Amino acid sequence: MSNQLYNILCKGKRIYTSLTEEEYFNIMEDLSIEFYQKGSPKPEDIDTEILLENTQWQRKQKVD
C-alpha cells in the first residue's frame, strides 16, 4: 500500500485534498472527461501535490 496522499489544485486553489492513489486517478480521469466534454478545467490549470507520509513529518512535492 502506498504511503502517499495527493492534493489536486486548479488555478492554485486546492479542490481535492488527502486523496488515496485510487481516488486521485479516478478524479483525474473525471477531470479529463470533463475537459473534453466542456472545455474546462484546462490541463495547464491543474497541479498535483504529493504528500509523502512519514512517522515524523510530511513533505509536499509539486508535480508539473
PDB file of N, CA and C in Angstrom:
ATOM      1  N   MET A   1       0.846  -1.190   0.000  1.00  0.00           N
ATOM      2  CA  MET A   1       0.000   0.000   0.000  1.00  0.00           C
ATOM      3  C   MET A   1       0.886   1.246   0.000  1.00  0.00           C
ATOM      4  N   SER A   2       0.519   2.212  -0.795  1.00  0.00           N
ATOM      5  CA  SER A   2       1.274   3.450  -0.916  1.00  0.00           C
ATOM      6  C   SER A   2       1.130   4.295   0.344  1.00  0.00           C
ATOM      7  N   ASN A   3       2.219   4.966   0.693  1.00  0.00           N
ATOM      8  CA  ASN A   3       2.171   5.869   1.836  1.00  0.00           C
ATOM      9  C   ASN A   3       2.096   7.316   1.370  1.00  0.00           C
ATOM     10  N   GLN A   4       1.565   7.506   0.161  1.00  0.00           N
ATOM     11  CA  GLN A   4       1.426   8.840  -0.385  1.00  0.00           C
ATOM     12  C   GLN A   4      -0.045   9.224  -0.444  1.00  0.00           C
ATOM     13  N   LEU A   5      -0.287  10.527  -0.230  1.00  0.00           N
ATOM     14  CA  LEU A   5      -1.604  11.107  -0.430  1.00  0.00           C
ATOM     15  C   LEU A   5      -1.449  12.228  -1.441  1.00  0.00           C
ATOM     16  N   TYR A   6      -2.550  12.590  -2.079  1.00  0.00           N
ATOM     17  CA  TYR A   6      -2.492  13.553  -3.177  1.00  0.00           C
ATOM     18  C   TYR A   6      -3.493  14.681  -2.970  1.00  0.00           C
ATOM     19  N   ASN A   7      -3.064  15.888  -3.345  1.00  0.00           N
ATOM     20  CA  ASN A   7      -3.948  17.047  -3.432  1.00  0.00           C
ATOM     21  C   ASN A   7      -4.027  17.440  -4.897  1.00  0.00           C
ATOM     22  N   ILE A   8      -5.196  17.862  -5.323  1.00  0.00           N
ATOM     23  CA  ILE A   8      -5.363  18.374  -6.683  1.00  0.00           C
ATOM     24  C   ILE A   8      -5.715  19.848  -6.576  1.00  0.00           C
ATOM     25  N   LEU A   9      -4.986  20.670  -7.338  1.00  0.00           N
ATOM     26  CA  LEU A   9      -5.209  22.110  -7.348  1.00  0.00           C
ATOM     27  C   LEU A   9      -5.662  22.549  -8.730  1.00  0.00           C
ATOM     28  N   CYS A  10      -6.546  23.528  -8.759  1.00  0.00           N
ATOM     29  CA  CYS A  10      -6.974  24.147 -10.010  1.00  0.00           C
ATOM     30  C   CYS A  10      -6.754  25.648  -9.867  1.00  0.00           C
ATOM     31  N   LYS A  11      -5.882  26.176 -10.720  1.00  0.00           N
ATOM     32  CA  LYS A  11      -5.504  27.597 -10.676  1.00  0.00           C
ATOM     33  C   LYS A  11      -5.004  27.976  -9.286  1.00  0.00           C
ATOM     34  N   GLY A  12      -4.236  27.066  -8.664  1.00  0.00           N
ATOM     35  CA  GLY A  12      -3.621  27.338  -7.372  1.00  0.00           C
ATOM     36  C   GLY A  12      -4.506  27.078  -6.170  1.00  0.00           C
ATOM     37  N   LYS A  13      -5.763  26.771  -6.385  1.00  0.00           N
ATOM     38  CA  LYS A  13      -6.691  26.511  -5.279  1.00  0.00           C
ATOM     39  C   LYS A  13      -6.891  25.006  -5.127  1.00  0.00           C
ATOM     40  N   ARG A  14      -6.745  24.511  -3.895  1.00  0.00           N
ATOM     41  CA  ARG A  14      -6.950  23.080  -3.660  1.00  0.00           C
ATOM     42  C   ARG A  14      -8.427  22.745  -3.839  1.00  0.00           C
ATOM     43  N   ILE A  15      -8.678  21.807  -4.754  1.00  0.00           N
ATOM     44  CA  ILE A  15     -10.058  21.398  -4.991  1.00  0.00           C
ATOM     45  C   ILE A  15     -10.325  19.999  -4.440  1.00  0.00           C
ATOM     46  N   TYR A  16      -9.269  19.224  -4.219  1.00  0.00           N
ATOM     47  CA  TYR A  16      -9.353  17.907  -3.560  1.00  0.00           C
ATOM     48  C   TYR A  16      -8.127  17.746  -2.683  1.00  0.00           C
ATOM     49  N   THR A  17      -8.316  17.175  -1.498  1.00  0.00           N
ATOM     50  CA  THR A  17      -7.196  17.015  -0.578  1.00  0.00           C
ATOM     51  C   THR A  17      -7.144  15.603  -0.010  1.00  0.00           C
ATOM     52  N   SER A  18      -5.924  15.189   0.319  1.00  0.00           N
ATOM     53  CA  SER A  18      -5.646  13.929   1.014  1.00  0.00           C
ATOM     54  C   SER A  18      -6.289  12.718   0.330  1.00  0.00           C
ATOM     55  N   LEU A  19      -6.104  12.647  -0.975  1.00  0.00           N
ATOM     56  CA  LEU A  19      -6.668  11.545  -1.743  1.00  0.00           C
ATOM     57  C   LEU A  19      -5.729  10.344  -1.729  1.00  0.00           C
ATOM     58  N   THR A  20      -6.309   9.163  -1.718  1.00  0.00           N
ATOM     59  CA  THR A  20      -5.511   7.965  -1.926  1.00  0.00           C
ATOM     60  C   THR A  20      -5.140   7.907  -3.403  1.00  0.00           C
ATOM     61  N   GLU A  21      -4.249   7.005  -3.758  1.00  0.00           N
ATOM     62  CA  GLU A  21      -3.842   6.869  -5.151  1.00  0.00           C
ATOM     63  C   GLU A  21      -5.038   6.531  -6.049  1.00  0.00           C
ATOM     64  N   GLU A  22      -5.867   5.620  -5.607  1.00  0.00           N
ATOM     65  CA  GLU A  22      -7.043   5.232  -6.390  1.00  0.00           C
ATOM     66  C   GLU A  22      -8.012   6.407  -6.561  1.00  0.00           C
ATOM     67  N   GLU A  23      -8.272   7.132  -5.481  1.00  0.00           N
ATOM     68  CA  GLU A  23      -9.147   8.310  -5.565  1.00  0.00           C
ATOM     69  C   GLU A  23      -8.560   9.346  -6.513  1.00  0.00           C
ATOM     70  N   TYR A  24      -7.246   9.557  -6.401  1.00  0.00           N
ATOM     71  CA  TYR A  24      -6.563  10.530  -7.251  1.00  0.00           C
ATOM     72  C   TYR A  24      -6.754  10.196  -8.730  1.00  0.00           C
ATOM     73  N   PHE A  25      -6.479   8.948  -9.105  1.00  0.00           N
ATOM     74  CA  PHE A  25      -6.599   8.564 -10.507  1.00  0.00           C
ATOM     75  C   PHE A  25      -8.040   8.633 -10.996  1.00  0.00           C
ATOM     76  N   ASN A  26      -8.995   8.272 -10.164  1.00  0.00           N
ATOM     77  CA  ASN A  26     -10.404   8.371 -10.552  1.00  0.00           C
ATOM     78  C   ASN A  26     -10.811   9.819 -10.808  1.00  0.00           C
ATOM     79  N   ILE A  27     -10.388  10.726  -9.933  1.00  0.00           N
ATOM     80  CA  ILE A  27     -10.745  12.139 -10.090  1.00  0.00           C
ATOM     81  C   ILE A  27     -10.042  12.739 -11.302  1.00  0.00           C
ATOM     82  N   MET A  28      -8.778  12.382 -11.523  1.00  0.00           N
ATOM     83  CA  MET A  28      -8.072  12.899 -12.695  1.00  0.00           C
ATOM     84  C   MET A  28      -8.744  12.420 -13.986  1.00  0.00           C
ATOM     85  N   GLU A  29      -9.227  11.192 -13.986  1.00  0.00           N
ATOM     86  CA  GLU A  29      -9.961  10.687 -15.145  1.00  0.00           C
ATOM     87  C   GLU A  29     -11.245  11.492 -15.346  1.00  0.00           C
ATOM     88  N   ASP A  30     -11.963  11.752 -14.249  1.00  0.00           N
ATOM     89  CA  ASP A  30     -13.187  12.555 -14.333  1.00  0.00           C
ATOM     90  C   ASP A  30     -12.895  13.960 -14.856  1.00  0.00           C
ATOM     91  N   LEU A  31     -11.805  14.570 -14.390  1.00  0.00           N
ATOM     92  CA  LEU A  31     -11.438  15.916 -14.841  1.00  0.00           C
ATOM     93  C   LEU A  31     -11.076  15.918 -16.323  1.00  0.00           C
ATOM     94  N   SER A  32     -10.411  14.876 -16.782  1.00  0.00           N
ATOM     95  CA  SER A  32     -10.057  14.825 -18.209  1.00  0.00           C
ATOM     96  C   SER A  32     -11.305  14.658 -19.076  1.00  0.00           C
ATOM     97  N   ILE A  33     -12.238  13.855 -18.635  1.00  0.00           N
ATOM     98  CA  ILE A  33     -13.501  13.694 -19.379  1.00  0.00           C
ATOM     99  C   ILE A  33     -14.260  15.015 -19.402  1.00  0.00           C
ATOM    100  N   GLU A  34     -14.295  15.692 -18.261  1.00  0.00           N
ATOM    101  CA  GLU A  34     -14.970  16.996 -18.187  1.00  0.00           C
ATOM    102  C   GLU A  34     -14.341  17.995 -19.147  1.00  0.00           C
ATOM    103  N   PHE A  35     -13.002  17.979 -19.245  1.00  0.00           N
ATOM    104  CA  PHE A  35     -12.318  18.888 -20.168  1.00  0.00           C
ATOM    105  C   PHE A  35     -12.737  18.612 -21.610  1.00  0.00           C
ATOM    106  N   TYR A  36     -12.762  17.356 -22.004  1.00  0.00           N
ATOM    107  CA  TYR A  36     -13.117  17.025 -23.390  1.00  0.00           C
ATOM    108  C   TYR A  36     -14.591  17.274 -23.686  1.00  0.00           C
ATOM    109  N   GLN A  37     -15.445  17.215 -22.672  1.00  0.00           N
ATOM    110  CA  GLN A  37     -16.868  17.474 -22.893  1.00  0.00           C
ATOM    111  C   GLN A  37     -17.217  18.955 -22.823  1.00  0.00           C
ATOM    112  N   LYS A  38     -16.579  19.687 -21.888  1.00  0.00           N
ATOM    113  CA  LYS A  38     -16.966  21.078 -21.626  1.00  0.00           C
ATOM    114  C   LYS A  38     -15.883  22.102 -21.916  1.00  0.00           C
ATOM    115  N   GLY A  39     -14.629  21.649 -22.084  1.00  0.00           N
ATOM    116  CA  GLY A  39     -13.541  22.589 -22.351  1.00  0.00           C
ATOM    117  C   GLY A  39     -12.843  23.114 -21.107  1.00  0.00           C
ATOM    118  N   SER A  40     -13.269  22.677 -19.951  1.00  0.00           N
ATOM    119  CA  SER A  40     -12.600  23.082 -18.712  1.00  0.00           C
ATOM    120  C   SER A  40     -12.815  21.999 -17.658  1.00  0.00           C
ATOM    121  N   PRO A  41     -11.964  21.896 -16.692  1.00  0.00           N
ATOM    122  CA  PRO A  41     -10.767  22.710 -16.472  1.00  0.00           C
ATOM    123  C   PRO A  41      -9.652  22.339 -17.453  1.00  0.00           C
ATOM    124  N   LYS A  42      -8.898  23.334 -17.862  1.00  0.00           N
ATOM    125  CA  LYS A  42      -7.798  23.123 -18.790  1.00  0.00           C
ATOM    126  C   LYS A  42      -6.664  22.389 -18.082  1.00  0.00           C
ATOM    127  N   PRO A  43      -5.993  21.494 -18.781  1.00  0.00           N
ATOM    128  CA  PRO A  43      -4.896  20.742 -18.166  1.00  0.00           C
ATOM    129  C   PRO A  43      -3.812  21.627 -17.559  1.00  0.00           C
ATOM    130  N   GLU A  44      -3.527  22.753 -18.193  1.00  0.00           N
ATOM    131  CA  GLU A  44      -2.480  23.639 -17.655  1.00  0.00           C
ATOM    132  C   GLU A  44      -2.897  24.319 -16.350  1.00  0.00           C
ATOM    133  N   ASP A  45      -4.176  24.272 -16.009  1.00  0.00           N
ATOM    134  CA  ASP A  45      -4.662  24.856 -14.756  1.00  0.00           C
ATOM    135  C   ASP A  45      -4.603  23.865 -13.587  1.00  0.00           C
ATOM    136  N   ILE A  46      -4.318  22.586 -13.888  1.00  0.00           N
ATOM    137  CA  ILE A  46      -4.333  21.542 -12.869  1.00  0.00           C
ATOM    138  C   ILE A  46      -2.919  21.233 -12.395  1.00  0.00           C
ATOM    139  N   ASP A  47      -2.731  21.205 -11.094  1.00  0.00           N
ATOM    140  CA  ASP A  47      -1.470  20.803 -10.466  1.00  0.00           C
ATOM    141  C   ASP A  47      -1.756  19.727  -9.436  1.00  0.00           C
ATOM    142  N   THR A  48      -0.719  18.964  -9.120  1.00  0.00           N
ATOM    143  CA  THR A  48      -0.827  17.906  -8.121  1.00  0.00           C
ATOM    144  C   THR A  48       0.221  18.117  -7.045  1.00  0.00           C
ATOM    145  N   GLU A  49      -0.169  17.979  -5.806  1.00  0.00           N
ATOM    146  CA  GLU A  49       0.771  17.932  -4.684  1.00  0.00           C
ATOM    147  C   GLU A  49       0.776  16.501  -4.167  1.00  0.00           C
ATOM    148  N   ILE A  50       1.966  15.968  -3.976  1.00  0.00           N
ATOM    149  CA  ILE A  50       2.102  14.630  -3.396  1.00  0.00           C
ATOM    150  C   ILE A  50       2.576  14.792  -1.967  1.00  0.00           C
ATOM    151  N   LEU A  51       1.815  14.236  -1.045  1.00  0.00           N
ATOM    152  CA  LEU A  51       2.164  14.283   0.366  1.00  0.00           C
ATOM    153  C   LEU A  51       2.829  12.964   0.722  1.00  0.00           C
ATOM    154  N   LEU A  52       4.102  13.029   1.075  1.00  0.00           N
ATOM    155  CA  LEU A  52       4.843  11.832   1.443  1.00  0.00           C
ATOM    156  C   LEU A  52       4.743  11.668   2.948  1.00  0.00           C
ATOM    157  N   GLU A  53       4.069  10.628   3.381  1.00  0.00           N
ATOM    158  CA  GLU A  53       3.850  10.416   4.804  1.00  0.00           C
ATOM    159  C   GLU A  53       5.053   9.732   5.427  1.00  0.00           C
ATOM    160  N   ASN A  54       5.364  10.166   6.593  1.00  0.00           N
ATOM    161  CA  ASN A  54       6.419   9.578   7.397  1.00  0.00           C
ATOM    162  C   ASN A  54       5.945   9.671   8.843  1.00  0.00           C
ATOM    163  N   THR A  55       6.451   8.860   9.708  1.00  0.00           N
ATOM    164  CA  THR A  55       6.004   8.904  11.096  1.00  0.00           C
ATOM    165  C   THR A  55       6.354  10.228  11.762  1.00  0.00           C
ATOM    166  N   GLN A  56       7.374  10.912  11.280  1.00  0.00           N
ATOM    167  CA  GLN A  56       7.822  12.150  11.902  1.00  0.00           C
ATOM    168  C   GLN A  56       7.355  13.419  11.173  1.00  0.00           C
ATOM    169  N   TRP A  57       7.081  13.329   9.856  1.00  0.00           N
ATOM    170  CA  TRP A  57       6.813  14.559   9.105  1.00  0.00           C
ATOM    171  C   TRP A  57       6.112  14.257   7.796  1.00  0.00           C
ATOM    172  N   GLN A  58       5.643  15.313   7.150  1.00  0.00           N
ATOM    173  CA  GLN A  58       5.093  15.226   5.800  1.00  0.00           C
ATOM    174  C   GLN A  58       5.828  16.220   4.933  1.00  0.00           C
ATOM    175  N   ARG A  59       6.071  15.844   3.692  1.00  0.00           N
ATOM    176  CA  ARG A  59       6.732  16.746   2.744  1.00  0.00           C
ATOM    177  C   ARG A  59       5.829  16.891   1.532  1.00  0.00           C
ATOM    178  N   LYS A  60       5.645  18.109   1.076  1.00  0.00           N
ATOM    179  CA  LYS A  60       4.843  18.349  -0.110  1.00  0.00           C
ATOM    180  C   LYS A  60       5.766  18.432  -1.314  1.00  0.00           C
ATOM    181  N   GLN A  61       5.360  17.794  -2.396  1.00  0.00           N
ATOM    182  CA  GLN A  61       6.112  17.820  -3.634  1.00  0.00           C
ATOM    183  C   GLN A  61       5.149  18.177  -4.751  1.00  0.00           C
ATOM    184  N   LYS A  62       5.453  19.251  -5.458  1.00  0.00           N
ATOM    185  CA  LYS A  62       4.600  19.671  -6.565  1.00  0.00           C
ATOM    186  C   LYS A  62       5.049  18.972  -7.828  1.00  0.00           C
ATOM    187  N   VAL A  63       4.084  18.459  -8.565  1.00  0.00           N
ATOM    188  CA  VAL A  63       4.359  17.759  -9.811  1.00  0.00           C
ATOM    189  C   VAL A  63       3.782  18.587 -10.954  1.00  0.00           C
ATOM    190  N   ASP A  64       4.596  18.880 -11.937  1.00  0.00           N
ATOM    191  CA  ASP A  64       4.131  19.648 -13.103  1.00  0.00           C
ATOM    192  C   ASP A  64       3.718  18.724 -14.209  1.00  0.00           C
TER     193      ASP A  64
END
